């Protein structure tokens, strides 16, 4: 009898745990474009919706050649401040998280990449390929490097 009660309680507990796990939701969005103010707004709305709906996480599938530094900074701020864990996944195979995408990838709670994807080439460039003077180029490079150190430090990476 005692064994029956213990088994029944255990089965009930297991059923409760499994039902909680099956109701856990992960909100997913796809970013398949350059990083710009609309991307920033899109990700901001997704984070807000994930929080509102009490999602377990926000999954951002990303494929980007990079984009605007100001939008990148705004997205990073939102990801770092998100009360909901943010997973950034570079996918599908053949995709990339280049330049601004690399910075955003590094800001995630969990950063992952599908086989056959790549990241990197995180070096600031001017719009339209205009030539920057050496002082301005150095300032922008130093600012970008400081941003990356801050982001990876927050996430415990090197």
C-alpha atoms as a PDB file:
ATOM      1  CA  UNK A   1       0.000   0.000   0.000  1.00  0.00           C
ATOM      2  CA  UNK A   2       2.786   2.394   0.946  1.00  0.00           C
ATOM      3  CA  UNK A   3       4.565   1.637  -2.323  1.00  0.00           C
ATOM      4  CA  UNK A   4       1.339   2.292  -4.286  1.00  0.00           C
ATOM      5  CA  UNK A   5       0.946   5.734  -2.669  1.00  0.00           C
ATOM      6  CA  UNK A   6       4.570   6.652  -3.407  1.00  0.00           C
ATOM      7  CA  UNK A   7       4.223   5.488  -7.032  1.00  0.00           C
ATOM      8  CA  UNK A   8       0.974   7.415  -7.425  1.00  0.00           C
ATOM      9  CA  UNK A   9       2.521  10.576  -5.996  1.00  0.00           C
ATOM     10  CA  UNK A  10       5.559  10.177  -8.225  1.00  0.00           C
ATOM     11  CA  UNK A  11       3.381   9.635 -11.302  1.00  0.00           C
ATOM     12  CA  UNK A  12       1.336  12.720 -10.433  1.00  0.00           C
ATOM     13  CA  UNK A  13       4.474  14.792  -9.955  1.00  0.00           C
ATOM     14  CA  UNK A  14       5.914  13.546 -13.260  1.00  0.00           C
ATOM     15  CA  UNK A  15       2.652  14.358 -15.051  1.00  0.00           C
ATOM     16  CA  UNK A  16       2.696  17.866 -13.556  1.00  0.00           C
ATOM     17  CA  UNK A  17       6.312  18.452 -14.638  1.00  0.00           C
ATOM     18  CA  UNK A  18       5.687  17.135 -18.159  1.00  0.00           C
ATOM     19  CA  UNK A  19       2.582  19.273 -18.606  1.00  0.00           C
ATOM     20  CA  UNK A  20       4.517  22.361 -17.485  1.00  0.00           C
ATOM     21  CA  UNK A  21       7.316  21.594 -19.940  1.00  0.00           C
ATOM     22  CA  UNK A  22       4.920  21.025 -22.825  1.00  0.00           C
ATOM     23  CA  UNK A  23       3.251  24.400 -22.205  1.00  0.00           C
ATOM     24  CA  UNK A  24       6.578  26.245 -22.209  1.00  0.00           C
ATOM     25  CA  UNK A  25       6.748  28.441 -25.273  1.00  0.00           C
ATOM     26  CA  UNK A  26       9.626  29.928 -27.186  1.00  0.00           C
ATOM     27  CA  UNK A  27       8.794  32.893 -29.385  1.00  0.00           C
ATOM     28  CA  UNK A  28      10.676  32.801 -32.708  1.00  0.00           C
ATOM     29  CA  UNK A  29      11.427  35.577 -35.160  1.00  0.00           C
ATOM     30  CA  UNK A  30      13.579  35.653 -38.291  1.00  0.00           C
ATOM     31  CA  UNK A  31      16.011  38.432 -39.215  1.00  0.00           C
ATOM     32  CA  UNK A  32      17.095  37.908 -42.828  1.00  0.00           C
ATOM     33  CA  UNK A  33      18.264  41.346 -43.872  1.00  0.00           C
ATOM     34  CA  UNK A  34      20.694  44.148 -43.129  1.00  0.00           C
ATOM     35  CA  UNK A  35      20.563  45.672 -39.644  1.00  0.00           C
ATOM     36  CA  UNK A  36      18.724  49.021 -39.654  1.00  0.00           C
ATOM     37  CA  UNK A  37      16.125  50.905 -37.561  1.00  0.00           C
ATOM     38  CA  UNK A  38      13.278  48.622 -38.664  1.00  0.00           C
ATOM     39  CA  UNK A  39      15.265  45.581 -37.498  1.00  0.00           C
ATOM     40  CA  UNK A  40      15.776  47.306 -34.153  1.00  0.00           C
ATOM     41  CA  UNK A  41      12.043  47.966 -33.831  1.00  0.00           C
ATOM     42  CA  UNK A  42      11.191  44.385 -34.894  1.00  0.00           C
ATOM     43  CA  UNK A  43      13.493  42.856 -32.273  1.00  0.00           C
ATOM     44  CA  UNK A  44      12.276  45.305 -29.614  1.00  0.00           C
ATOM     45  CA  UNK A  45       8.660  44.322 -30.270  1.00  0.00           C
ATOM     46  CA  UNK A  46       9.567  40.621 -30.136  1.00  0.00           C
ATOM     47  CA  UNK A  47      11.273  41.034 -26.762  1.00  0.00           C
ATOM     48  CA  UNK A  48       8.236  42.916 -25.442  1.00  0.00           C
ATOM     49  CA  UNK A  49       5.885  40.204 -26.759  1.00  0.00           C
ATOM     50  CA  UNK A  50       8.023  37.427 -25.276  1.00  0.00           C
ATOM     51  CA  UNK A  51       7.856  39.160 -21.902  1.00  0.00           C
ATOM     52  CA  UNK A  52       4.125  39.884 -22.190  1.00  0.00           C
ATOM     53  CA  UNK A  53       3.295  36.291 -23.130  1.00  0.00           C
ATOM     54  CA  UNK A  54       5.657  34.909 -20.477  1.00  0.00           C
ATOM     55  CA  UNK A  55       7.607  32.968 -23.099  1.00  0.00           C
ATOM     56  CA  UNK A  56      10.473  30.845 -21.818  1.00  0.00           C
ATOM     57  CA  UNK A  57      12.815  32.419 -24.396  1.00  0.00           C
ATOM     58  CA  UNK A  58      13.023  34.440 -27.577  1.00  0.00           C
ATOM     59  CA  UNK A  59      14.703  32.694 -30.516  1.00  0.00           C
ATOM     60  CA  UNK A  60      16.091  35.002 -33.197  1.00  0.00           C
ATOM     61  CA  UNK A  61      17.132  33.184 -36.360  1.00  0.00           C
ATOM     62  CA  UNK A  62      19.572  35.482 -38.097  1.00  0.00           C
ATOM     63  CA  UNK A  63      21.179  35.839 -41.518  1.00  0.00           C
ATOM     64  CA  UNK A  64      22.701  39.270 -42.062  1.00  0.00           C
ATOM     65  CA  UNK A  65      25.572  40.903 -43.914  1.00  0.00           C
ATOM     66  CA  UNK A  66      25.713  43.577 -41.183  1.00  0.00           C
ATOM     67  CA  UNK A  67      24.299  47.046 -41.010  1.00  0.00           C
ATOM     68  CA  UNK A  68      24.118  50.308 -39.144  1.00  0.00           C
ATOM     69  CA  UNK A  69      26.108  50.747 -35.943  1.00  0.00           C
ATOM     70  CA  UNK A  70      23.447  52.849 -34.185  1.00  0.00           C
ATOM     71  CA  UNK A  71      20.769  50.211 -34.825  1.00  0.00           C
ATOM     72  CA  UNK A  72      23.196  47.507 -33.710  1.00  0.00           C
ATOM     73  CA  UNK A  73      23.844  49.330 -30.428  1.00  0.00           C
ATOM     74  CA  UNK A  74      20.111  49.750 -29.812  1.00  0.00           C
ATOM     75  CA  UNK A  75      19.482  46.044 -30.473  1.00  0.00           C
ATOM     76  CA  UNK A  76      22.332  45.020 -28.163  1.00  0.00           C
ATOM     77  CA  UNK A  77      20.909  47.210 -25.378  1.00  0.00           C
ATOM     78  CA  UNK A  78      17.515  45.548 -25.774  1.00  0.00           C
ATOM     79  CA  UNK A  79      18.956  42.017 -25.825  1.00  0.00           C
ATOM     80  CA  UNK A  80      21.143  42.633 -22.767  1.00  0.00           C
ATOM     81  CA  UNK A  81      18.234  44.178 -20.845  1.00  0.00           C
ATOM     82  CA  UNK A  82      15.691  41.522 -21.867  1.00  0.00           C
ATOM     83  CA  UNK A  83      13.995  39.804 -18.931  1.00  0.00           C
ATOM     84  CA  UNK A  84      13.408  36.847 -21.270  1.00  0.00           C
ATOM     85  CA  UNK A  85      16.478  34.846 -22.347  1.00  0.00           C
ATOM     86  CA  UNK A  86      17.442  35.591 -25.951  1.00  0.00           C
ATOM     87  CA  UNK A  87      18.809  32.826 -28.173  1.00  0.00           C
ATOM     88  CA  UNK A  88      20.392  33.926 -31.430  1.00  0.00           C
ATOM     89  CA  UNK A  89      20.851  31.210 -34.024  1.00  0.00           C
ATOM     90  CA  UNK A  90      22.666  31.769 -37.313  1.00  0.00           C
ATOM     91  CA  UNK A  91      20.737  29.640 -39.784  1.00  0.00           C
ATOM     92  CA  UNK A  92      20.154  28.129 -42.355  1.00  0.00           C
ATOM     93  CA  UNK A  93      23.347  26.571 -43.669  1.00  0.00           C
ATOM     94  CA  UNK A  94      25.123  29.104 -45.866  1.00  0.00           C
ATOM     95  CA  UNK A  95      23.968  32.045 -43.728  1.00  0.00           C
ATOM     96  CA  UNK A  96      26.116  34.548 -41.896  1.00  0.00           C
ATOM     97  CA  UNK A  97      26.098  36.954 -38.999  1.00  0.00           C
ATOM     98  CA  UNK A  98      28.695  39.336 -40.377  1.00  0.00           C
ATOM     99  CA  UNK A  99      29.767  42.713 -39.025  1.00  0.00           C
ATOM    100  CA  UNK A 100      26.795  44.078 -37.040  1.00  0.00           C
ATOM    101  CA  UNK A 101      25.392  40.547 -36.922  1.00  0.00           C
ATOM    102  CA  UNK A 102      28.498  39.383 -35.060  1.00  0.00           C
ATOM    103  CA  UNK A 103      28.010  42.063 -32.397  1.00  0.00           C
ATOM    104  CA  UNK A 104      24.352  41.095 -31.999  1.00  0.00           C
ATOM    105  CA  UNK A 105      25.195  37.370 -31.885  1.00  0.00           C
ATOM    106  CA  UNK A 106      27.654  38.000 -29.051  1.00  0.00           C
ATOM    107  CA  UNK A 107      24.993  39.833 -27.009  1.00  0.00           C
ATOM    108  CA  UNK A 108      22.721  36.768 -26.796  1.00  0.00           C
ATOM    109  CA  UNK A 109      22.199  34.677 -23.681  1.00  0.00           C
ATOM    110  CA  UNK A 110      22.785  31.714 -25.984  1.00  0.00           C
ATOM    111  CA  UNK A 111      24.588  32.116 -29.311  1.00  0.00           C
ATOM    112  CA  UNK A 112      24.475  29.206 -31.744  1.00  0.00           C
ATOM    113  CA  UNK A 113      25.308  28.549 -35.362  1.00  0.00           C
ATOM    114  CA  UNK A 114      24.048  25.924 -37.780  1.00  0.00           C
ATOM    115  CA  UNK A 115      26.684  23.885 -39.625  1.00  0.00           C
ATOM    116  CA  UNK A 116      27.935  25.712 -42.701  1.00  0.00           C
ATOM    117  CA  UNK A 117      27.320  29.214 -41.329  1.00  0.00           C
ATOM    118  CA  UNK A 118      29.857  31.894 -40.466  1.00  0.00           C
ATOM    119  CA  UNK A 119      30.326  35.042 -38.420  1.00  0.00           C
ATOM    120  CA  UNK A 120      32.908  37.769 -38.142  1.00  0.00           C
ATOM    121  CA  UNK A 121      34.269  40.545 -40.332  1.00  0.00           C
ATOM    122  CA  UNK A 122      33.206  42.897 -37.567  1.00  0.00           C
ATOM    123  CA  UNK A 123      34.944  46.031 -38.725  1.00  0.00           C
ATOM    124  CA  UNK A 124      33.177  49.384 -39.080  1.00  0.00           C
ATOM    125  CA  UNK A 125      32.817  50.832 -42.560  1.00  0.00           C
ATOM    126  CA  UNK A 126      31.264  54.067 -43.710  1.00  0.00           C
ATOM    127  CA  UNK A 127      28.025  54.232 -45.641  1.00  0.00           C
ATOM    128  CA  UNK A 128      28.503  54.279 -49.366  1.00  0.00           C
ATOM    129  CA  UNK A 129      32.172  53.364 -49.021  1.00  0.00           C
ATOM    130  CA  UNK A 130      33.265  56.961 -48.413  1.00  0.00           C
ATOM    131  CA  UNK A 131      36.871  57.345 -47.221  1.00  0.00           C
ATOM    132  CA  UNK A 132      37.277  58.291 -43.538  1.00  0.00           C
ATOM    133  CA  UNK A 133      40.216  60.284 -42.284  1.00  0.00           C
ATOM    134  CA  UNK A 134      42.640  58.287 -40.118  1.00  0.00           C
ATOM    135  CA  UNK A 135      41.620  59.960 -36.830  1.00  0.00           C
ATOM    136  CA  UNK A 136      37.915  59.286 -37.352  1.00  0.00           C
ATOM    137  CA  UNK A 137      38.613  55.733 -38.497  1.00  0.00           C
ATOM    138  CA  UNK A 138      40.657  55.064 -35.338  1.00  0.00           C
ATOM    139  CA  UNK A 139      37.965  56.572 -33.087  1.00  0.00           C
ATOM    140  CA  UNK A 140      35.230  54.413 -34.631  1.00  0.00           C
ATOM    141  CA  UNK A 141      37.386  51.268 -34.435  1.00  0.00           C
ATOM    142  CA  UNK A 142      38.218  51.924 -30.771  1.00  0.00           C
ATOM    143  CA  UNK A 143      34.578  52.615 -29.946  1.00  0.00           C
ATOM    144  CA  UNK A 144      33.471  49.404 -31.668  1.00  0.00           C
ATOM    145  CA  UNK A 145      36.150  47.368 -29.888  1.00  0.00           C
ATOM    146  CA  UNK A 146      35.079  48.848 -26.539  1.00  0.00           C
ATOM    147  CA  UNK A 147      31.466  47.931 -27.307  1.00  0.00           C
ATOM    148  CA  UNK A 148      32.466  44.331 -28.057  1.00  0.00           C
ATOM    149  CA  UNK A 149      34.556  44.067 -24.860  1.00  0.00           C
ATOM    150  CA  UNK A 150      31.597  45.347 -22.870  1.00  0.00           C
ATOM    151  CA  UNK A 151      29.129  42.927 -24.489  1.00  0.00           C
ATOM    152  CA  UNK A 152      31.281  39.803 -24.149  1.00  0.00           C
ATOM    153  CA  UNK A 153      32.216  40.805 -20.608  1.00  0.00           C
ATOM    154  CA  UNK A 154      28.532  40.979 -19.688  1.00  0.00           C
ATOM    155  CA  UNK A 155      28.041  37.470 -21.107  1.00  0.00           C
ATOM    156  CA  UNK A 156      31.203  36.059 -19.529  1.00  0.00           C
ATOM    157  CA  UNK A 157      32.997  35.462 -22.846  1.00  0.00           C
ATOM    158  CA  UNK A 158      36.471  36.545 -23.876  1.00  0.00           C
END
